[in-house]
N, C-alpha and C. Protein backbone atom coordinates (compact mmCIF):
# COMPACT_ATOMS: atom_id res chain seq x y z
N MET A 1 3.78 16.34 62.14
CA MET A 1 2.73 17.11 61.52
C MET A 1 1.85 16.17 60.70
N GLU A 2 0.60 16.33 60.84
CA GLU A 2 -0.38 15.48 60.19
C GLU A 2 -0.77 16.08 58.84
N MET A 3 -0.93 15.21 57.78
CA MET A 3 -1.30 15.68 56.44
C MET A 3 -2.82 15.62 56.29
N THR A 4 -3.34 16.58 55.61
CA THR A 4 -4.78 16.58 55.35
C THR A 4 -5.06 15.68 54.16
N ARG A 5 -6.32 15.39 54.01
CA ARG A 5 -6.74 14.55 52.88
C ARG A 5 -6.37 15.22 51.57
N ARG A 6 -6.56 16.50 51.45
CA ARG A 6 -6.24 17.26 50.25
C ARG A 6 -4.75 17.17 49.92
N GLU A 7 -3.89 17.28 50.90
CA GLU A 7 -2.44 17.20 50.69
C GLU A 7 -2.02 15.80 50.22
N ILE A 8 -2.67 14.78 50.79
CA ILE A 8 -2.37 13.40 50.38
C ILE A 8 -2.76 13.19 48.92
N LEU A 9 -3.96 13.65 48.53
CA LEU A 9 -4.41 13.50 47.15
C LEU A 9 -3.52 14.29 46.19
N ARG A 10 -3.12 15.49 46.56
CA ARG A 10 -2.27 16.31 45.72
C ARG A 10 -0.90 15.63 45.54
N SER A 11 -0.32 15.15 46.61
CA SER A 11 0.97 14.46 46.54
C SER A 11 0.88 13.20 45.69
N SER A 12 -0.20 12.45 45.82
CA SER A 12 -0.41 11.24 45.02
C SER A 12 -0.53 11.59 43.54
N MET A 13 -1.24 12.67 43.24
CA MET A 13 -1.41 13.08 41.85
C MET A 13 -0.06 13.47 41.25
N PHE A 14 0.72 14.29 41.95
CA PHE A 14 2.03 14.71 41.43
C PHE A 14 2.98 13.51 41.29
N ALA A 15 2.90 12.57 42.23
CA ALA A 15 3.75 11.37 42.13
C ALA A 15 3.35 10.54 40.92
N SER A 16 2.04 10.41 40.67
CA SER A 16 1.56 9.64 39.50
C SER A 16 1.98 10.29 38.20
N VAL A 17 1.82 11.62 38.12
CA VAL A 17 2.22 12.34 36.91
C VAL A 17 3.73 12.22 36.70
N GLY A 18 4.50 12.36 37.75
CA GLY A 18 5.96 12.22 37.66
C GLY A 18 6.36 10.82 37.21
N LEU A 19 5.69 9.80 37.74
CA LEU A 19 5.98 8.42 37.35
C LEU A 19 5.63 8.19 35.88
N MET A 20 4.51 8.76 35.44
CA MET A 20 4.11 8.62 34.04
C MET A 20 5.14 9.26 33.11
N PHE A 21 5.58 10.49 33.43
CA PHE A 21 6.55 11.17 32.58
C PHE A 21 7.92 10.47 32.59
N SER A 22 8.31 9.95 33.73
CA SER A 22 9.60 9.25 33.77
C SER A 22 9.54 7.95 32.96
N GLY A 23 8.40 7.26 32.99
CA GLY A 23 8.23 6.07 32.16
C GLY A 23 8.25 6.40 30.68
N ALA A 24 7.58 7.50 30.30
CA ALA A 24 7.57 7.93 28.90
C ALA A 24 8.97 8.34 28.45
N ALA A 25 9.70 9.04 29.30
CA ALA A 25 11.07 9.45 28.96
C ALA A 25 11.98 8.24 28.83
N GLY A 26 11.81 7.25 29.70
CA GLY A 26 12.61 6.03 29.60
C GLY A 26 12.32 5.26 28.32
N GLY A 27 11.05 5.17 27.96
CA GLY A 27 10.67 4.50 26.72
C GLY A 27 11.19 5.22 25.49
N ALA A 28 11.10 6.55 25.48
CA ALA A 28 11.61 7.33 24.35
C ALA A 28 13.12 7.20 24.26
N GLY A 29 13.79 7.19 25.41
CA GLY A 29 15.24 7.03 25.40
C GLY A 29 15.66 5.68 24.84
N ALA A 30 14.96 4.62 25.22
CA ALA A 30 15.27 3.28 24.70
C ALA A 30 14.98 3.21 23.20
N PHE A 31 13.94 3.87 22.76
CA PHE A 31 13.58 3.86 21.35
C PHE A 31 14.60 4.63 20.50
N LEU A 32 15.07 5.75 21.02
CA LEU A 32 15.99 6.60 20.27
C LEU A 32 17.45 6.19 20.40
N TRP A 33 17.79 5.32 21.34
CA TRP A 33 19.17 4.89 21.51
C TRP A 33 19.57 4.04 20.32
N PRO A 34 20.70 4.33 19.66
CA PRO A 34 21.07 3.56 18.47
C PRO A 34 21.38 2.11 18.80
N ALA A 35 20.86 1.23 17.98
CA ALA A 35 21.10 -0.20 18.17
C ALA A 35 22.29 -0.61 17.31
N LYS A 36 23.02 -1.60 17.77
CA LYS A 36 24.11 -2.13 16.96
C LYS A 36 23.49 -2.96 15.85
N VAL A 37 23.79 -2.59 14.62
CA VAL A 37 23.21 -3.28 13.49
C VAL A 37 24.13 -4.41 13.06
N SER A 38 23.60 -5.60 13.06
CA SER A 38 24.33 -6.74 12.53
C SER A 38 23.32 -7.56 11.74
N GLY A 39 23.82 -8.37 10.86
CA GLY A 39 22.92 -9.13 10.00
C GLY A 39 22.39 -8.24 8.90
N PHE A 40 21.21 -8.52 8.45
CA PHE A 40 20.64 -7.77 7.33
C PHE A 40 20.55 -6.29 7.66
N GLY A 41 21.05 -5.46 6.77
CA GLY A 41 21.06 -4.02 6.99
C GLY A 41 22.38 -3.51 7.50
N GLY A 42 23.32 -4.42 7.77
CA GLY A 42 24.63 -4.04 8.28
C GLY A 42 25.72 -4.83 7.58
N LEU A 43 26.88 -4.86 8.19
CA LEU A 43 28.01 -5.61 7.63
C LEU A 43 27.89 -7.08 8.03
N VAL A 44 28.03 -7.95 7.04
CA VAL A 44 27.93 -9.39 7.27
C VAL A 44 29.20 -10.05 6.72
N ARG A 45 29.86 -10.78 7.57
CA ARG A 45 31.06 -11.51 7.13
C ARG A 45 30.64 -12.87 6.59
N VAL A 46 31.14 -13.22 5.42
CA VAL A 46 30.84 -14.51 4.82
C VAL A 46 31.63 -15.57 5.58
N PRO A 47 30.99 -16.68 5.99
CA PRO A 47 31.68 -17.68 6.81
C PRO A 47 32.84 -18.38 6.09
N GLN A 48 32.75 -18.55 4.77
CA GLN A 48 33.81 -19.22 4.03
C GLN A 48 34.94 -18.25 3.70
N LYS A 49 36.14 -18.78 3.66
CA LYS A 49 37.30 -18.00 3.23
C LYS A 49 37.29 -17.95 1.70
N LEU A 50 37.93 -16.94 1.14
CA LEU A 50 37.94 -16.74 -0.31
C LEU A 50 38.49 -17.96 -1.04
N SER A 51 39.53 -18.57 -0.51
CA SER A 51 40.14 -19.73 -1.17
C SER A 51 39.21 -20.95 -1.17
N GLU A 52 38.19 -20.96 -0.32
CA GLU A 52 37.24 -22.07 -0.25
C GLU A 52 36.06 -21.90 -1.21
N ILE A 53 36.03 -20.78 -1.94
CA ILE A 53 34.90 -20.49 -2.83
C ILE A 53 35.35 -20.68 -4.28
N PRO A 54 34.98 -21.80 -4.91
CA PRO A 54 35.40 -22.02 -6.30
C PRO A 54 34.55 -21.22 -7.29
N VAL A 55 35.05 -21.07 -8.51
CA VAL A 55 34.28 -20.43 -9.57
C VAL A 55 33.04 -21.29 -9.83
N GLY A 56 31.89 -20.64 -9.94
CA GLY A 56 30.62 -21.35 -10.14
C GLY A 56 29.88 -21.62 -8.84
N ALA A 57 30.45 -21.23 -7.72
CA ALA A 57 29.82 -21.48 -6.41
C ALA A 57 28.74 -20.44 -6.12
N VAL A 58 27.70 -20.89 -5.45
CA VAL A 58 26.64 -20.02 -4.96
C VAL A 58 26.43 -20.38 -3.49
N ILE A 59 26.73 -19.43 -2.61
CA ILE A 59 26.66 -19.67 -1.17
C ILE A 59 25.55 -18.82 -0.57
N PRO A 60 24.50 -19.44 -0.02
CA PRO A 60 23.47 -18.65 0.64
C PRO A 60 23.97 -18.18 2.01
N VAL A 61 23.77 -16.90 2.30
CA VAL A 61 24.13 -16.35 3.61
C VAL A 61 22.84 -15.84 4.23
N ARG A 62 22.27 -16.65 5.09
CA ARG A 62 20.96 -16.38 5.67
C ARG A 62 20.94 -15.09 6.50
N GLU A 63 22.00 -14.86 7.26
CA GLU A 63 22.06 -13.69 8.13
C GLU A 63 21.93 -12.38 7.34
N GLY A 64 22.49 -12.34 6.14
CA GLY A 64 22.46 -11.12 5.34
C GLY A 64 21.43 -11.12 4.22
N LYS A 65 20.69 -12.22 4.06
CA LYS A 65 19.67 -12.36 3.01
C LYS A 65 20.25 -12.16 1.62
N PHE A 66 21.37 -12.83 1.35
CA PHE A 66 21.98 -12.74 0.02
C PHE A 66 22.64 -14.05 -0.34
N TYR A 67 22.96 -14.17 -1.63
CA TYR A 67 23.76 -15.28 -2.15
C TYR A 67 25.09 -14.70 -2.57
N LEU A 68 26.17 -15.32 -2.15
CA LEU A 68 27.49 -14.94 -2.63
C LEU A 68 27.78 -15.83 -3.82
N THR A 69 27.99 -15.22 -4.97
CA THR A 69 28.29 -15.99 -6.18
C THR A 69 29.69 -15.66 -6.67
N ARG A 70 30.34 -16.67 -7.23
CA ARG A 70 31.67 -16.44 -7.81
C ARG A 70 31.65 -16.91 -9.25
N THR A 71 31.95 -16.01 -10.15
CA THR A 71 32.03 -16.31 -11.57
C THR A 71 33.42 -15.96 -12.07
N GLU A 72 33.64 -16.11 -13.35
CA GLU A 72 34.93 -15.73 -13.94
C GLU A 72 35.17 -14.23 -13.77
N ASP A 73 34.09 -13.44 -13.68
CA ASP A 73 34.21 -11.99 -13.53
C ASP A 73 34.57 -11.58 -12.11
N GLY A 74 34.28 -12.43 -11.11
CA GLY A 74 34.58 -12.10 -9.72
C GLY A 74 33.45 -12.50 -8.78
N LEU A 75 33.39 -11.83 -7.63
CA LEU A 75 32.39 -12.12 -6.60
C LEU A 75 31.25 -11.12 -6.65
N MET A 76 30.05 -11.61 -6.37
CA MET A 76 28.88 -10.75 -6.24
C MET A 76 28.04 -11.23 -5.07
N ALA A 77 27.41 -10.29 -4.40
CA ALA A 77 26.45 -10.60 -3.34
C ALA A 77 25.08 -10.21 -3.89
N LEU A 78 24.27 -11.20 -4.23
CA LEU A 78 22.95 -10.96 -4.83
C LEU A 78 21.87 -11.04 -3.76
N TYR A 79 21.08 -9.98 -3.66
CA TYR A 79 19.94 -9.95 -2.74
C TYR A 79 18.97 -11.02 -3.20
N TRP A 80 18.48 -11.83 -2.27
CA TRP A 80 17.69 -12.99 -2.68
C TRP A 80 16.21 -12.68 -2.90
N LYS A 81 15.85 -11.41 -2.96
CA LYS A 81 14.46 -11.01 -3.18
C LYS A 81 14.22 -10.82 -4.68
N CYS A 82 13.19 -11.47 -5.21
CA CYS A 82 12.84 -11.33 -6.62
C CYS A 82 12.42 -9.89 -6.90
N VAL A 83 12.88 -9.34 -8.00
CA VAL A 83 12.56 -7.94 -8.32
C VAL A 83 11.13 -7.79 -8.84
N HIS A 84 10.46 -8.89 -9.13
CA HIS A 84 9.09 -8.81 -9.63
C HIS A 84 8.12 -8.47 -8.51
N LEU A 85 7.99 -9.37 -7.52
CA LEU A 85 7.06 -9.11 -6.42
C LEU A 85 7.65 -9.42 -5.04
N GLY A 86 8.95 -9.66 -4.96
CA GLY A 86 9.60 -9.78 -3.66
C GLY A 86 9.67 -11.16 -3.04
N CYS A 87 9.37 -12.21 -3.78
CA CYS A 87 9.49 -13.56 -3.23
C CYS A 87 10.98 -13.90 -3.06
N THR A 88 11.27 -14.81 -2.14
CA THR A 88 12.64 -15.29 -1.98
C THR A 88 12.95 -16.25 -3.11
N VAL A 89 14.04 -15.97 -3.82
CA VAL A 89 14.41 -16.75 -5.00
C VAL A 89 15.48 -17.78 -4.62
N PRO A 90 15.17 -19.08 -4.67
CA PRO A 90 16.17 -20.09 -4.33
C PRO A 90 17.09 -20.40 -5.52
N TRP A 91 18.30 -20.87 -5.19
CA TRP A 91 19.25 -21.31 -6.20
C TRP A 91 18.99 -22.79 -6.46
N GLU A 92 18.84 -23.15 -7.72
CA GLU A 92 18.67 -24.55 -8.09
C GLU A 92 19.97 -25.00 -8.75
N ALA A 93 20.77 -25.73 -7.98
CA ALA A 93 22.10 -26.13 -8.43
C ALA A 93 22.03 -27.03 -9.67
N GLY A 94 21.03 -27.91 -9.73
CA GLY A 94 20.90 -28.82 -10.87
C GLY A 94 20.70 -28.07 -12.18
N ALA A 95 19.93 -27.00 -12.13
CA ALA A 95 19.66 -26.20 -13.34
C ALA A 95 20.71 -25.10 -13.51
N GLY A 96 21.43 -24.80 -12.44
CA GLY A 96 22.42 -23.72 -12.51
C GLY A 96 21.79 -22.36 -12.65
N GLN A 97 20.61 -22.18 -12.02
CA GLN A 97 19.86 -20.93 -12.14
C GLN A 97 19.12 -20.63 -10.84
N PHE A 98 18.78 -19.36 -10.67
CA PHE A 98 17.86 -18.95 -9.61
C PHE A 98 16.47 -19.01 -10.23
N LYS A 99 15.52 -19.65 -9.55
CA LYS A 99 14.16 -19.76 -10.07
C LYS A 99 13.17 -19.30 -9.00
N CYS A 100 12.40 -18.28 -9.33
CA CYS A 100 11.41 -17.76 -8.39
C CYS A 100 10.20 -18.71 -8.35
N PRO A 101 9.83 -19.19 -7.17
CA PRO A 101 8.71 -20.11 -7.07
C PRO A 101 7.35 -19.43 -7.24
N CYS A 102 7.29 -18.12 -7.12
CA CYS A 102 6.00 -17.42 -7.16
C CYS A 102 5.49 -17.20 -8.59
N HIS A 103 6.35 -16.67 -9.45
CA HIS A 103 5.90 -16.34 -10.81
C HIS A 103 6.87 -16.80 -11.88
N GLN A 104 7.76 -17.71 -11.53
CA GLN A 104 8.68 -18.38 -12.44
C GLN A 104 9.68 -17.46 -13.15
N SER A 105 10.11 -16.39 -12.51
CA SER A 105 11.22 -15.62 -13.07
C SER A 105 12.47 -16.47 -12.92
N VAL A 106 13.35 -16.39 -13.91
CA VAL A 106 14.58 -17.18 -13.91
C VAL A 106 15.76 -16.23 -14.07
N TYR A 107 16.81 -16.48 -13.27
CA TYR A 107 18.00 -15.64 -13.29
C TYR A 107 19.24 -16.50 -13.43
N GLU A 108 20.26 -15.96 -14.10
CA GLU A 108 21.55 -16.63 -14.21
C GLU A 108 22.32 -16.47 -12.90
N ILE A 109 23.51 -17.08 -12.82
CA ILE A 109 24.36 -16.99 -11.63
C ILE A 109 24.81 -15.56 -11.37
N THR A 110 24.81 -14.72 -12.40
CA THR A 110 25.17 -13.31 -12.24
C THR A 110 23.99 -12.47 -11.76
N GLY A 111 22.80 -13.07 -11.71
CA GLY A 111 21.60 -12.35 -11.32
C GLY A 111 20.83 -11.80 -12.51
N GLN A 112 21.36 -11.96 -13.72
CA GLN A 112 20.69 -11.46 -14.92
C GLN A 112 19.40 -12.24 -15.15
N ASN A 113 18.30 -11.51 -15.36
CA ASN A 113 17.02 -12.16 -15.63
C ASN A 113 17.02 -12.70 -17.06
N ILE A 114 16.50 -13.94 -17.21
CA ILE A 114 16.47 -14.56 -18.55
C ILE A 114 15.09 -15.08 -18.92
N ALA A 115 14.18 -15.13 -17.94
CA ALA A 115 12.81 -15.58 -18.25
C ALA A 115 11.88 -15.10 -17.15
N GLY A 116 10.59 -15.08 -17.48
CA GLY A 116 9.58 -14.72 -16.50
C GLY A 116 9.23 -13.25 -16.52
N PRO A 117 8.41 -12.83 -15.57
CA PRO A 117 7.92 -11.45 -15.56
C PRO A 117 8.92 -10.43 -15.01
N ALA A 118 10.03 -10.87 -14.40
CA ALA A 118 11.01 -9.91 -13.87
C ALA A 118 11.57 -9.07 -15.01
N THR A 119 11.62 -7.76 -14.78
CA THR A 119 12.04 -6.84 -15.85
C THR A 119 13.50 -6.42 -15.75
N ARG A 120 14.19 -6.87 -14.68
CA ARG A 120 15.59 -6.49 -14.51
C ARG A 120 16.29 -7.55 -13.67
N PRO A 121 17.61 -7.51 -13.60
CA PRO A 121 18.36 -8.51 -12.81
C PRO A 121 18.13 -8.35 -11.31
N LEU A 122 18.56 -9.37 -10.57
CA LEU A 122 18.52 -9.30 -9.11
C LEU A 122 19.38 -8.14 -8.64
N ASP A 123 18.97 -7.51 -7.54
CA ASP A 123 19.75 -6.43 -6.96
C ASP A 123 21.01 -7.02 -6.34
N TYR A 124 22.05 -6.19 -6.24
CA TYR A 124 23.29 -6.67 -5.63
C TYR A 124 23.74 -5.74 -4.52
N MET A 125 24.57 -6.28 -3.63
CA MET A 125 25.04 -5.55 -2.46
C MET A 125 26.54 -5.28 -2.60
N GLU A 126 26.97 -4.23 -1.93
CA GLU A 126 28.39 -3.92 -1.93
C GLU A 126 29.14 -4.98 -1.14
N LEU A 127 30.32 -5.35 -1.63
CA LEU A 127 31.14 -6.28 -0.87
C LEU A 127 32.60 -5.86 -0.94
N GLU A 128 33.35 -6.34 0.04
CA GLU A 128 34.75 -5.98 0.15
C GLU A 128 35.54 -7.24 0.47
N VAL A 129 36.68 -7.39 -0.20
CA VAL A 129 37.56 -8.52 0.03
C VAL A 129 38.85 -8.01 0.66
N GLU A 130 39.18 -8.55 1.83
CA GLU A 130 40.42 -8.21 2.52
C GLU A 130 41.16 -9.50 2.81
N GLY A 131 42.15 -9.79 2.00
CA GLY A 131 42.87 -11.05 2.15
C GLY A 131 41.96 -12.21 1.83
N GLU A 132 41.70 -13.05 2.82
CA GLU A 132 40.82 -14.21 2.65
C GLU A 132 39.40 -13.94 3.12
N ASP A 133 39.16 -12.77 3.73
CA ASP A 133 37.85 -12.46 4.29
C ASP A 133 36.98 -11.68 3.31
N VAL A 134 35.72 -12.05 3.24
CA VAL A 134 34.75 -11.36 2.39
C VAL A 134 33.68 -10.78 3.31
N THR A 135 33.47 -9.47 3.20
CA THR A 135 32.46 -8.78 4.01
C THR A 135 31.47 -8.10 3.08
N VAL A 136 30.18 -8.28 3.35
CA VAL A 136 29.13 -7.71 2.52
C VAL A 136 28.38 -6.66 3.33
N ASN A 137 28.15 -5.51 2.72
CA ASN A 137 27.34 -4.46 3.35
C ASN A 137 25.92 -4.64 2.85
N SER A 138 25.11 -5.35 3.63
CA SER A 138 23.73 -5.64 3.20
C SER A 138 22.81 -4.43 3.33
N GLY A 139 23.33 -3.32 3.80
CA GLY A 139 22.56 -2.08 3.87
C GLY A 139 22.68 -1.26 2.59
N LYS A 140 23.61 -1.63 1.72
CA LYS A 140 23.81 -0.91 0.45
C LYS A 140 23.41 -1.83 -0.70
N ILE A 141 22.15 -1.75 -1.09
CA ILE A 141 21.60 -2.58 -2.16
C ILE A 141 21.44 -1.72 -3.41
N HIS A 142 21.95 -2.23 -4.54
CA HIS A 142 21.91 -1.48 -5.78
C HIS A 142 21.03 -2.16 -6.82
N GLN A 143 20.22 -1.36 -7.49
CA GLN A 143 19.42 -1.85 -8.61
C GLN A 143 20.22 -1.69 -9.89
N ARG A 144 19.89 -2.47 -10.89
CA ARG A 144 20.56 -2.37 -12.19
C ARG A 144 19.60 -2.80 -13.28
N HIS A 145 19.90 -2.41 -14.50
CA HIS A 145 19.02 -2.75 -15.61
C HIS A 145 19.57 -3.90 -16.43
N VAL A 146 20.87 -4.16 -16.30
CA VAL A 146 21.51 -5.27 -16.99
C VAL A 146 22.78 -5.62 -16.23
N TYR A 147 23.18 -6.89 -16.31
CA TYR A 147 24.42 -7.29 -15.66
C TYR A 147 25.61 -6.80 -16.48
N GLU A 148 26.58 -6.24 -15.77
CA GLU A 148 27.83 -5.81 -16.39
C GLU A 148 28.97 -6.42 -15.55
N PRO A 149 30.03 -6.91 -16.19
CA PRO A 149 31.14 -7.51 -15.44
C PRO A 149 31.76 -6.56 -14.41
N SER A 150 31.64 -5.27 -14.60
CA SER A 150 32.20 -4.31 -13.64
C SER A 150 31.46 -4.35 -12.30
N GLN A 151 30.28 -4.95 -12.24
CA GLN A 151 29.52 -5.03 -10.99
C GLN A 151 30.10 -6.10 -10.06
N ALA A 152 30.88 -7.03 -10.60
CA ALA A 152 31.51 -8.08 -9.80
C ALA A 152 32.85 -7.55 -9.26
N VAL A 153 33.17 -7.97 -8.05
CA VAL A 153 34.45 -7.56 -7.43
C VAL A 153 35.52 -8.56 -7.88
N LYS A 154 36.54 -8.07 -8.54
CA LYS A 154 37.62 -8.92 -9.04
C LYS A 154 38.40 -9.52 -7.89
N VAL A 155 38.70 -10.82 -8.01
CA VAL A 155 39.51 -11.50 -6.99
C VAL A 155 40.62 -12.30 -7.66
């Protein structure tokens, strides 16, 4: 049986519309499918073992965007974003302080602000110690108005 021109155009139109909707459904499905979260925003395992982290140590963990610090009070995971305007705050080992290069805010090893325009300490992340392993939940960031020893995880 031979198809008329009208039937060919109608079939082509329905095929095009069907192809468009299937492409849109595929794109929406890929967008809505949950992604496995690792790195910043998820659980990040610290590469060093607990016994390898001495008191006074500051370990940058690039994957999670935090510094793991160990003081007499315990361990803390400090978000490396300055609370003033969001610049990345590097640790200066010689001075024993975090110093923001943008507006010169200065923070202690606990994250407590001691100079500059920052009005509060660095934010900290939840962390968990299981034996020798330290895991930080970089999706749970907490603000604070002052450093308190209870914010550090005892080890």
